[in-house]
């Protein structure tokens, strides 16, 4: 009986820790780039591919914010983010720590991409 309880307790704690980790990576994205964003991609920092657009709406206007919810299957904190405008121009931000930050504000001055975090 003790072994069964210990196994169930351990399984429950593992599930809770995995669920909590995934929730920590959801974030609010704020567009302060000065451009209308048509696509948003996010990938693990060490990945070579971008995957699908996660924007979830037609366009993301300058000054707007949107909540990004995703559930990665791996315990990864560092993510890269890429946006595309209407002409297909891409801007990227590297090594965003989504375990630490819940608000990511993107900036673009016409030549350099920066971000602020909360």
C-alpha atoms as a PDB file:
ATOM      1  CA  UNK A   1       0.000   0.000   0.000  1.00  0.00           C
ATOM      2  CA  UNK A   2       2.857   2.395   0.837  1.00  0.00           C
ATOM      3  CA  UNK A   3       4.567   1.699  -2.494  1.00  0.00           C
ATOM      4  CA  UNK A   4       1.352   2.388  -4.417  1.00  0.00           C
ATOM      5  CA  UNK A   5       0.815   5.665  -2.545  1.00  0.00           C
ATOM      6  CA  UNK A   6       4.424   6.717  -3.114  1.00  0.00           C
ATOM      7  CA  UNK A   7       4.136   5.958  -6.838  1.00  0.00           C
ATOM      8  CA  UNK A   8       0.869   7.933  -7.166  1.00  0.00           C
ATOM      9  CA  UNK A   9       2.306  10.837  -5.177  1.00  0.00           C
ATOM     10  CA  UNK A  10       5.447  10.944  -7.335  1.00  0.00           C
ATOM     11  CA  UNK A  11       3.403  10.790 -10.549  1.00  0.00           C
ATOM     12  CA  UNK A  12       1.130  13.600  -9.339  1.00  0.00           C
ATOM     13  CA  UNK A  13       4.084  15.836  -8.414  1.00  0.00           C
ATOM     14  CA  UNK A  14       5.714  15.221 -11.798  1.00  0.00           C
ATOM     15  CA  UNK A  15       2.487  16.137 -13.599  1.00  0.00           C
ATOM     16  CA  UNK A  16       2.102  19.317 -11.537  1.00  0.00           C
ATOM     17  CA  UNK A  17       5.698  20.400 -12.189  1.00  0.00           C
ATOM     18  CA  UNK A  18       5.389  19.780 -15.948  1.00  0.00           C
ATOM     19  CA  UNK A  19       2.054  21.660 -16.106  1.00  0.00           C
ATOM     20  CA  UNK A  20       3.480  24.570 -14.138  1.00  0.00           C
ATOM     21  CA  UNK A  21       6.554  24.776 -16.386  1.00  0.00           C
ATOM     22  CA  UNK A  22       4.448  24.896 -19.576  1.00  0.00           C
ATOM     23  CA  UNK A  23       2.239  27.660 -18.164  1.00  0.00           C
ATOM     24  CA  UNK A  24       5.300  29.749 -17.312  1.00  0.00           C
ATOM     25  CA  UNK A  25       6.181  30.037 -20.987  1.00  0.00           C
ATOM     26  CA  UNK A  26       2.931  31.725 -22.073  1.00  0.00           C
ATOM     27  CA  UNK A  27       3.484  35.455 -22.588  1.00  0.00           C
ATOM     28  CA  UNK A  28       2.040  38.733 -23.839  1.00  0.00           C
ATOM     29  CA  UNK A  29       3.596  40.054 -27.037  1.00  0.00           C
ATOM     30  CA  UNK A  30       3.549  43.824 -27.597  1.00  0.00           C
ATOM     31  CA  UNK A  31       4.200  45.307 -31.052  1.00  0.00           C
ATOM     32  CA  UNK A  32       6.185  48.552 -30.826  1.00  0.00           C
ATOM     33  CA  UNK A  33       8.049  47.923 -34.089  1.00  0.00           C
ATOM     34  CA  UNK A  34       6.392  50.612 -36.181  1.00  0.00           C
ATOM     35  CA  UNK A  35       5.288  47.959 -38.714  1.00  0.00           C
ATOM     36  CA  UNK A  36       2.197  45.842 -39.185  1.00  0.00           C
ATOM     37  CA  UNK A  37       3.100  42.235 -38.378  1.00  0.00           C
ATOM     38  CA  UNK A  38       1.601  39.549 -40.610  1.00  0.00           C
ATOM     39  CA  UNK A  39       3.304  36.457 -39.151  1.00  0.00           C
ATOM     40  CA  UNK A  40       4.883  35.507 -35.827  1.00  0.00           C
ATOM     41  CA  UNK A  41       7.092  32.446 -35.426  1.00  0.00           C
ATOM     42  CA  UNK A  42       8.712  31.089 -32.292  1.00  0.00           C
ATOM     43  CA  UNK A  43      11.197  28.258 -31.971  1.00  0.00           C
ATOM     44  CA  UNK A  44      13.571  26.826 -29.421  1.00  0.00           C
ATOM     45  CA  UNK A  45      16.833  28.760 -29.425  1.00  0.00           C
ATOM     46  CA  UNK A  46      18.876  25.784 -30.618  1.00  0.00           C
ATOM     47  CA  UNK A  47      16.488  24.887 -33.479  1.00  0.00           C
ATOM     48  CA  UNK A  48      17.171  25.412 -37.182  1.00  0.00           C
ATOM     49  CA  UNK A  49      13.487  25.624 -38.227  1.00  0.00           C
ATOM     50  CA  UNK A  50      10.687  28.082 -37.474  1.00  0.00           C
ATOM     51  CA  UNK A  51       7.534  26.004 -37.739  1.00  0.00           C
ATOM     52  CA  UNK A  52       4.085  27.516 -38.252  1.00  0.00           C
ATOM     53  CA  UNK A  53       2.800  31.063 -37.765  1.00  0.00           C
ATOM     54  CA  UNK A  54       1.422  31.423 -34.219  1.00  0.00           C
ATOM     55  CA  UNK A  55      -0.167  34.857 -34.601  1.00  0.00           C
ATOM     56  CA  UNK A  56      -3.702  33.504 -34.692  1.00  0.00           C
ATOM     57  CA  UNK A  57      -5.190  36.562 -36.392  1.00  0.00           C
ATOM     58  CA  UNK A  58      -4.847  38.353 -39.712  1.00  0.00           C
ATOM     59  CA  UNK A  59      -2.486  41.172 -38.704  1.00  0.00           C
ATOM     60  CA  UNK A  60      -0.861  42.542 -35.576  1.00  0.00           C
ATOM     61  CA  UNK A  61      -0.917  46.339 -35.699  1.00  0.00           C
ATOM     62  CA  UNK A  62       1.782  48.568 -34.218  1.00  0.00           C
ATOM     63  CA  UNK A  63       0.826  49.416 -30.636  1.00  0.00           C
ATOM     64  CA  UNK A  64      -1.288  46.291 -30.118  1.00  0.00           C
ATOM     65  CA  UNK A  65      -0.637  43.403 -27.764  1.00  0.00           C
ATOM     66  CA  UNK A  66      -1.686  39.778 -27.924  1.00  0.00           C
ATOM     67  CA  UNK A  67      -1.449  36.826 -25.578  1.00  0.00           C
ATOM     68  CA  UNK A  68       0.644  33.931 -26.853  1.00  0.00           C
ATOM     69  CA  UNK A  69      -0.169  30.552 -25.357  1.00  0.00           C
ATOM     70  CA  UNK A  70       1.748  27.487 -26.303  1.00  0.00           C
ATOM     71  CA  UNK A  71       2.656  24.241 -24.658  1.00  0.00           C
ATOM     72  CA  UNK A  72       6.121  23.030 -25.548  1.00  0.00           C
ATOM     73  CA  UNK A  73       6.864  19.421 -24.751  1.00  0.00           C
ATOM     74  CA  UNK A  74      10.410  20.096 -23.619  1.00  0.00           C
ATOM     75  CA  UNK A  75      11.730  21.986 -20.605  1.00  0.00           C
ATOM     76  CA  UNK A  76      13.243  24.847 -22.592  1.00  0.00           C
ATOM     77  CA  UNK A  77      13.440  28.460 -21.454  1.00  0.00           C
ATOM     78  CA  UNK A  78      15.282  30.180 -24.336  1.00  0.00           C
ATOM     79  CA  UNK A  79      13.266  30.869 -27.485  1.00  0.00           C
ATOM     80  CA  UNK A  80      13.844  32.799 -30.716  1.00  0.00           C
ATOM     81  CA  UNK A  81      11.084  34.899 -32.263  1.00  0.00           C
ATOM     82  CA  UNK A  82      10.638  36.045 -35.857  1.00  0.00           C
ATOM     83  CA  UNK A  83       8.084  38.372 -37.424  1.00  0.00           C
ATOM     84  CA  UNK A  84       7.227  39.037 -41.071  1.00  0.00           C
ATOM     85  CA  UNK A  85       5.618  42.176 -42.485  1.00  0.00           C
ATOM     86  CA  UNK A  86       3.317  42.419 -45.527  1.00  0.00           C
ATOM     87  CA  UNK A  87       6.284  42.432 -47.924  1.00  0.00           C
ATOM     88  CA  UNK A  88       7.859  39.340 -46.345  1.00  0.00           C
ATOM     89  CA  UNK A  89      10.639  41.266 -44.595  1.00  0.00           C
ATOM     90  CA  UNK A  90      11.723  39.367 -41.485  1.00  0.00           C
ATOM     91  CA  UNK A  91      13.013  40.600 -38.121  1.00  0.00           C
ATOM     92  CA  UNK A  92      14.300  38.203 -35.470  1.00  0.00           C
ATOM     93  CA  UNK A  93      14.962  38.299 -31.745  1.00  0.00           C
ATOM     94  CA  UNK A  94      17.159  35.608 -30.157  1.00  0.00           C
ATOM     95  CA  UNK A  95      17.368  33.979 -26.738  1.00  0.00           C
ATOM     96  CA  UNK A  96      14.171  35.257 -25.110  1.00  0.00           C
ATOM     97  CA  UNK A  97      13.849  33.641 -21.667  1.00  0.00           C
ATOM     98  CA  UNK A  98      10.163  32.722 -21.425  1.00  0.00           C
ATOM     99  CA  UNK A  99      10.638  31.132 -18.013  1.00  0.00           C
ATOM    100  CA  UNK A 100      11.618  34.550 -16.669  1.00  0.00           C
ATOM    101  CA  UNK A 101       9.497  37.063 -18.635  1.00  0.00           C
ATOM    102  CA  UNK A 102       5.730  37.284 -19.166  1.00  0.00           C
ATOM    103  CA  UNK A 103       5.622  40.407 -21.355  1.00  0.00           C
ATOM    104  CA  UNK A 104       7.832  40.805 -24.435  1.00  0.00           C
ATOM    105  CA  UNK A 105       7.753  44.189 -26.191  1.00  0.00           C
ATOM    106  CA  UNK A 106       9.310  44.210 -29.650  1.00  0.00           C
ATOM    107  CA  UNK A 107      11.069  47.326 -30.967  1.00  0.00           C
ATOM    108  CA  UNK A 108      12.527  48.108 -34.392  1.00  0.00           C
ATOM    109  CA  UNK A 109      14.313  51.361 -35.273  1.00  0.00           C
ATOM    110  CA  UNK A 110      14.630  50.594 -38.973  1.00  0.00           C
ATOM    111  CA  UNK A 111      17.989  48.879 -38.645  1.00  0.00           C
ATOM    112  CA  UNK A 112      18.167  47.207 -35.228  1.00  0.00           C
ATOM    113  CA  UNK A 113      15.756  44.857 -33.450  1.00  0.00           C
ATOM    114  CA  UNK A 114      15.536  45.182 -29.668  1.00  0.00           C
ATOM    115  CA  UNK A 115      13.080  44.038 -27.032  1.00  0.00           C
ATOM    116  CA  UNK A 116      12.120  44.974 -23.507  1.00  0.00           C
ATOM    117  CA  UNK A 117      10.867  42.503 -20.953  1.00  0.00           C
ATOM    118  CA  UNK A 118       8.641  42.451 -17.907  1.00  0.00           C
END
